[in-house]
């Protein structure tokens, strides 16, 4: 039998009730033989997220709820979950179902072989697949389009994400392909408040990865199958101008992190 890992699974949420109905039971079932907890950090959802989590607790699931009343912030939500985590390792991931329980278990199993490493769930590494399209292009375009059309995802946002990660990887030569992953596992002590402070949305992840790299912590990408959103609305705009506008803080963060890298050579 493989050794258990002590891990807190952090799920930042904003109106993801329908996705949580599937994701949380799947995670608690697949990790039933592990030393784990699920921490849902809710950013003032207006759907039934709070009531749903209360029902999870009543049924005996190893789930906790942190309700935030301060300004909405994905990075701050994640760090608040890290601060209140009780296990040795932390993992966080999107709550929209794009990162499923099978992918969670894959990263948990992988960390057991080197508990000092940090593993990044990657859509673009070997074994990764992005919203119905395999990185190695084995999947045909008909299947790709069908998966996206039948989901709540923006095809434009997906296409730009593919291109954008290429640009980010060029700016930051640290051998990480998925710099906007938001799916990661590592020791709780590795993650500091400074890594998350001052950021608006997903650009924080670029800073997290850069700081881990500068701390000489071993980083490795693990390919996972990123699923199309089925429930709820994407937090990413479908408008081209808005998407390009949202890309600015990512580029700014990447450029600042690049400077930081070269200052430490």
Protein backbone atom coordinates (compact mmCIF):
# COMPACT_ATOMS: atom_id res chain seq x y z
CA UNK A 1 0.00 0.00 0.00
CA UNK A 2 1.34 3.45 -0.90
CA UNK A 3 2.08 5.94 1.87
CA UNK A 4 -0.66 8.45 2.66
CA UNK A 5 -0.13 12.14 2.13
CA UNK A 6 -1.40 14.81 4.51
CA UNK A 7 -3.15 17.39 2.34
CA UNK A 8 -5.59 20.27 2.44
CA UNK A 9 -7.56 20.73 -0.79
CA UNK A 10 -8.50 24.41 -1.24
CA UNK A 11 -11.43 25.32 -3.47
CA UNK A 12 -11.96 29.07 -3.96
CA UNK A 13 -15.58 29.65 -4.97
CA UNK A 14 -17.85 32.32 -6.37
CA UNK A 15 -21.27 31.00 -7.41
CA UNK A 16 -20.14 27.47 -8.21
CA UNK A 17 -22.93 25.58 -6.42
CA UNK A 18 -23.76 23.28 -9.33
CA UNK A 19 -20.13 22.36 -9.99
CA UNK A 20 -19.49 21.74 -6.29
CA UNK A 21 -22.38 19.28 -6.16
CA UNK A 22 -20.27 16.99 -8.33
CA UNK A 23 -16.70 17.99 -7.53
CA UNK A 24 -16.71 17.83 -3.72
CA UNK A 25 -18.31 14.36 -3.36
CA UNK A 26 -15.98 13.05 -6.08
CA UNK A 27 -12.90 14.42 -4.29
CA UNK A 28 -13.93 13.12 -0.87
CA UNK A 29 -14.64 9.70 -2.36
CA UNK A 30 -11.42 9.38 -4.33
CA UNK A 31 -9.28 10.58 -1.38
CA UNK A 32 -11.07 8.48 1.24
CA UNK A 33 -7.86 6.57 2.06
CA UNK A 34 -5.77 9.74 2.42
CA UNK A 35 -5.23 12.14 5.33
CA UNK A 36 -7.09 15.07 3.79
CA UNK A 37 -9.50 17.95 4.29
CA UNK A 38 -11.43 20.03 1.77
CA UNK A 39 -11.53 23.76 2.46
CA UNK A 40 -14.08 25.77 0.49
CA UNK A 41 -13.22 29.48 0.55
CA UNK A 42 -16.33 31.29 -0.59
CA UNK A 43 -16.11 34.85 -1.92
CA UNK A 44 -19.66 35.96 -1.00
CA UNK A 45 -21.54 33.73 -3.43
CA UNK A 46 -25.15 34.64 -4.09
CA UNK A 47 -26.24 31.14 -5.09
CA UNK A 48 -26.70 28.22 -2.69
CA UNK A 49 -23.00 27.49 -2.07
CA UNK A 50 -23.13 28.08 1.70
CA UNK A 51 -26.20 25.91 2.16
CA UNK A 52 -24.68 23.17 -0.01
CA UNK A 53 -21.49 23.05 2.06
CA UNK A 54 -23.57 22.91 5.25
CA UNK A 55 -25.32 19.83 3.86
CA UNK A 56 -21.93 18.29 3.02
CA UNK A 57 -20.83 18.77 6.63
CA UNK A 58 -24.05 17.26 8.00
CA UNK A 59 -23.50 14.11 5.92
CA UNK A 60 -20.07 13.66 7.50
CA UNK A 61 -17.87 14.85 4.64
CA UNK A 62 -14.46 16.16 5.68
CA UNK A 63 -15.28 19.65 4.42
CA UNK A 64 -14.87 23.11 5.94
CA UNK A 65 -16.25 26.46 4.81
CA UNK A 66 -14.47 29.80 5.03
CA UNK A 67 -16.85 32.66 4.18
CA UNK A 68 -15.12 35.86 3.05
CA UNK A 69 -16.82 39.23 3.49
CA UNK A 70 -13.94 41.44 2.37
CA UNK A 71 -13.28 42.54 -1.22
CA UNK A 72 -13.55 39.70 -3.71
CA UNK A 73 -10.12 38.35 -4.62
CA UNK A 74 -9.07 34.98 -6.02
CA UNK A 75 -5.44 35.24 -4.77
CA UNK A 76 -6.50 36.37 -1.29
CA UNK A 77 -9.11 33.61 -1.11
CA UNK A 78 -6.49 31.00 -1.90
CA UNK A 79 -4.01 32.37 0.63
CA UNK A 80 -6.68 32.51 3.33
CA UNK A 81 -7.29 28.82 2.68
CA UNK A 82 -3.56 28.12 2.94
CA UNK A 83 -3.32 30.02 6.24
CA UNK A 84 -6.14 28.00 7.77
CA UNK A 85 -5.07 24.64 6.34
CA UNK A 86 -4.23 22.02 8.97
CA UNK A 87 -2.31 19.53 6.81
CA UNK A 88 1.37 19.39 5.75
CA UNK A 89 0.64 19.88 2.05
CA UNK A 90 -1.80 22.16 0.29
CA UNK A 91 -3.40 21.93 -3.11
CA UNK A 92 -5.66 24.43 -4.78
CA UNK A 93 -7.64 24.27 -7.98
CA UNK A 94 -10.57 25.88 -9.78
CA UNK A 95 -14.03 24.94 -8.53
CA UNK A 96 -15.68 24.91 -11.96
CA UNK A 97 -15.10 21.20 -12.65
CA UNK A 98 -12.35 21.77 -15.22
CA UNK A 99 -9.97 20.04 -12.81
CA UNK A 100 -11.75 16.89 -11.74
CA UNK A 101 -11.25 14.44 -8.88
CA UNK A 102 -9.24 12.05 -11.06
CA UNK A 103 -6.75 14.84 -11.75
CA UNK A 104 -6.63 15.70 -8.04
CA UNK A 105 -5.82 12.08 -7.19
CA UNK A 106 -3.15 11.99 -9.90
CA UNK A 107 -1.27 14.90 -8.35
CA UNK A 108 -1.71 13.52 -4.83
CA UNK A 109 -0.26 10.16 -5.91
CA UNK A 110 2.62 11.84 -7.75
CA UNK A 111 3.67 13.94 -4.72
CA UNK A 112 4.18 10.80 -2.66
CA UNK A 113 7.38 9.99 -4.57
CA UNK A 114 8.94 13.35 -3.61
CA UNK A 115 7.16 15.24 -0.87
CA UNK A 116 9.63 18.12 -1.11
CA UNK A 117 8.69 18.88 -4.70
CA UNK A 118 5.97 21.17 -6.01
CA UNK A 119 3.80 19.72 -8.75
CA UNK A 120 1.87 21.86 -11.22
CA UNK A 121 -1.16 20.44 -12.98
CA UNK A 122 -0.45 21.23 -16.63
CA UNK A 123 -2.68 21.31 -19.69
CA UNK A 124 0.36 21.50 -21.93
CA UNK A 125 2.73 18.88 -20.47
CA UNK A 126 2.89 15.24 -21.55
CA UNK A 127 -0.49 13.65 -20.87
CA UNK A 128 -2.24 17.02 -20.72
CA UNK A 129 -5.37 17.95 -22.64
CA UNK A 130 -7.07 21.33 -22.90
CA UNK A 131 -10.87 21.61 -23.02
CA UNK A 132 -11.30 18.61 -25.30
CA UNK A 133 -8.16 19.14 -27.38
CA UNK A 134 -5.05 17.07 -26.72
CA UNK A 135 -1.73 18.85 -26.67
CA UNK A 136 -0.32 16.39 -29.20
CA UNK A 137 -3.25 17.09 -31.58
CA UNK A 138 -4.38 13.47 -31.64
CA UNK A 139 -7.92 14.71 -31.07
CA UNK A 140 -9.63 15.99 -34.21
CA UNK A 141 -10.96 19.53 -34.50
CA UNK A 142 -14.57 18.33 -34.81
CA UNK A 143 -14.36 16.79 -31.34
CA UNK A 144 -12.67 19.91 -29.99
CA UNK A 145 -15.33 22.28 -31.31
CA UNK A 146 -18.14 19.99 -30.17
CA UNK A 147 -16.81 19.87 -26.61
CA UNK A 148 -16.51 23.65 -26.41
CA UNK A 149 -19.88 24.41 -28.04
CA UNK A 150 -21.61 22.10 -25.54
CA UNK A 151 -19.88 23.74 -22.59
CA UNK A 152 -20.05 27.13 -20.88
CA UNK A 153 -16.55 28.07 -22.03
CA UNK A 154 -15.63 30.79 -24.49
CA UNK A 155 -13.83 29.41 -27.54
CA UNK A 156 -12.10 32.78 -27.92
CA UNK A 157 -10.84 32.67 -24.33
CA UNK A 158 -9.54 29.14 -24.82
CA UNK A 159 -7.70 30.02 -28.02
CA UNK A 160 -6.13 33.11 -26.47
CA UNK A 161 -5.09 31.10 -23.40
CA UNK A 162 -3.19 28.66 -25.61
CA UNK A 163 -1.36 31.48 -27.38
CA UNK A 164 -0.87 33.50 -24.21
CA UNK A 165 0.87 30.69 -22.34
CA UNK A 166 3.35 30.43 -25.21
CA UNK A 167 4.16 34.12 -24.75
CA UNK A 168 4.48 33.78 -20.98
CA UNK A 169 6.79 30.77 -21.30
CA UNK A 170 8.99 32.79 -23.64
CA UNK A 171 9.17 35.68 -21.17
CA UNK A 172 9.93 33.38 -18.23
CA UNK A 173 12.56 30.75 -19.12
CA UNK A 174 11.94 28.45 -16.13
CA UNK A 175 10.78 25.41 -18.10
CA UNK A 176 7.13 25.65 -17.06
CA UNK A 177 4.63 25.52 -19.92
CA UNK A 178 1.39 26.22 -18.04
CA UNK A 179 2.03 29.48 -16.19
CA UNK A 180 -1.67 30.20 -15.72
CA UNK A 181 -2.52 26.72 -14.41
CA UNK A 182 -3.89 27.56 -10.96
CA UNK A 183 -3.62 23.86 -10.09
CA UNK A 184 -0.72 23.03 -7.75
CA UNK A 185 0.38 20.92 -4.79
CA UNK A 186 3.27 21.49 -2.39
CA UNK A 187 4.22 21.89 1.25
CA UNK A 188 2.16 24.49 3.06
CA UNK A 189 5.31 26.21 4.34
CA UNK A 190 6.46 26.96 0.78
CA UNK A 191 3.68 29.47 0.15
CA UNK A 192 3.94 32.97 1.62
CA UNK A 193 1.55 35.91 1.72
CA UNK A 194 3.89 37.91 -0.52
CA UNK A 195 3.30 35.45 -3.34
CA UNK A 196 -0.41 36.38 -3.43
CA UNK A 197 -0.55 40.01 -2.30
CA UNK A 198 -1.21 42.83 -4.75
CA UNK A 199 -2.65 40.69 -7.52
CA UNK A 200 -6.08 40.90 -9.11
CA UNK A 201 -6.82 37.49 -10.59
CA UNK A 202 -4.93 34.55 -12.09
CA UNK A 203 -1.70 36.48 -12.73
CA UNK A 204 -0.71 35.71 -9.12
CA UNK A 205 0.22 32.19 -10.27
CA UNK A 206 3.11 33.52 -12.37
CA UNK A 207 4.51 35.15 -9.25
CA UNK A 208 4.04 32.01 -7.16
CA UNK A 209 5.91 29.84 -9.66
CA UNK A 210 8.72 32.39 -10.06
CA UNK A 211 9.26 32.68 -6.32
CA UNK A 212 9.31 28.91 -5.89
CA UNK A 213 11.88 28.68 -8.68
CA UNK A 214 14.05 31.35 -7.05
CA UNK A 215 13.85 29.43 -3.76
CA UNK A 216 15.37 26.39 -5.52
CA UNK A 217 12.28 24.30 -4.92
CA UNK A 218 11.96 21.52 -7.46
CA UNK A 219 9.04 22.19 -9.81
CA UNK A 220 7.55 19.59 -12.09
CA UNK A 221 4.52 19.68 -14.38
CA UNK A 222 2.07 16.80 -14.41
CA UNK A 223 -0.27 16.58 -17.38
CA UNK A 224 -3.99 16.50 -16.64
CA UNK A 225 -7.15 16.56 -18.74
CA UNK A 226 -8.75 20.00 -18.39
CA UNK A 227 -12.51 19.58 -18.80
CA UNK A 228 -14.91 22.09 -20.39
CA UNK A 229 -17.13 23.96 -17.93
CA UNK A 230 -20.59 22.37 -17.73
CA UNK A 231 -22.31 24.47 -15.04
CA UNK A 232 -22.39 28.16 -14.24
CA UNK A 233 -20.78 31.08 -15.99
CA UNK A 234 -17.11 31.49 -16.78
CA UNK A 235 -15.35 34.25 -14.81
CA UNK A 236 -13.43 35.04 -18.00
CA UNK A 237 -15.07 37.44 -20.44
CA UNK A 238 -16.04 36.31 -23.93
CA UNK A 239 -15.43 39.81 -25.34
CA UNK A 240 -12.17 40.19 -27.27
CA UNK A 241 -11.44 43.68 -26.00
CA UNK A 242 -12.12 42.60 -22.41
CA UNK A 243 -9.92 39.53 -22.78
CA UNK A 244 -7.05 41.60 -24.13
CA UNK A 245 -7.53 44.05 -21.28
CA UNK A 246 -7.40 41.23 -18.73
CA UNK A 247 -4.13 40.02 -20.26
CA UNK A 248 -2.30 43.21 -19.24
CA UNK A 249 -1.70 42.29 -15.58
CA UNK A 250 -0.44 38.86 -16.68
CA UNK A 251 2.10 40.43 -19.01
CA UNK A 252 3.10 43.00 -16.41
CA UNK A 253 3.59 40.27 -13.81
CA UNK A 254 5.60 38.13 -16.24
CA UNK A 255 7.87 41.05 -17.12
CA UNK A 256 8.43 41.90 -13.45
CA UNK A 257 9.16 38.26 -12.67
CA UNK A 258 11.58 38.10 -15.60
CA UNK A 259 13.48 41.06 -14.12
CA UNK A 260 13.52 39.30 -10.78
CA UNK A 261 14.96 36.16 -12.37
CA UNK A 262 17.80 38.01 -14.06
CA UNK A 263 18.57 40.05 -10.94
CA UNK A 264 19.20 36.77 -9.13
CA UNK A 265 21.53 35.22 -11.73
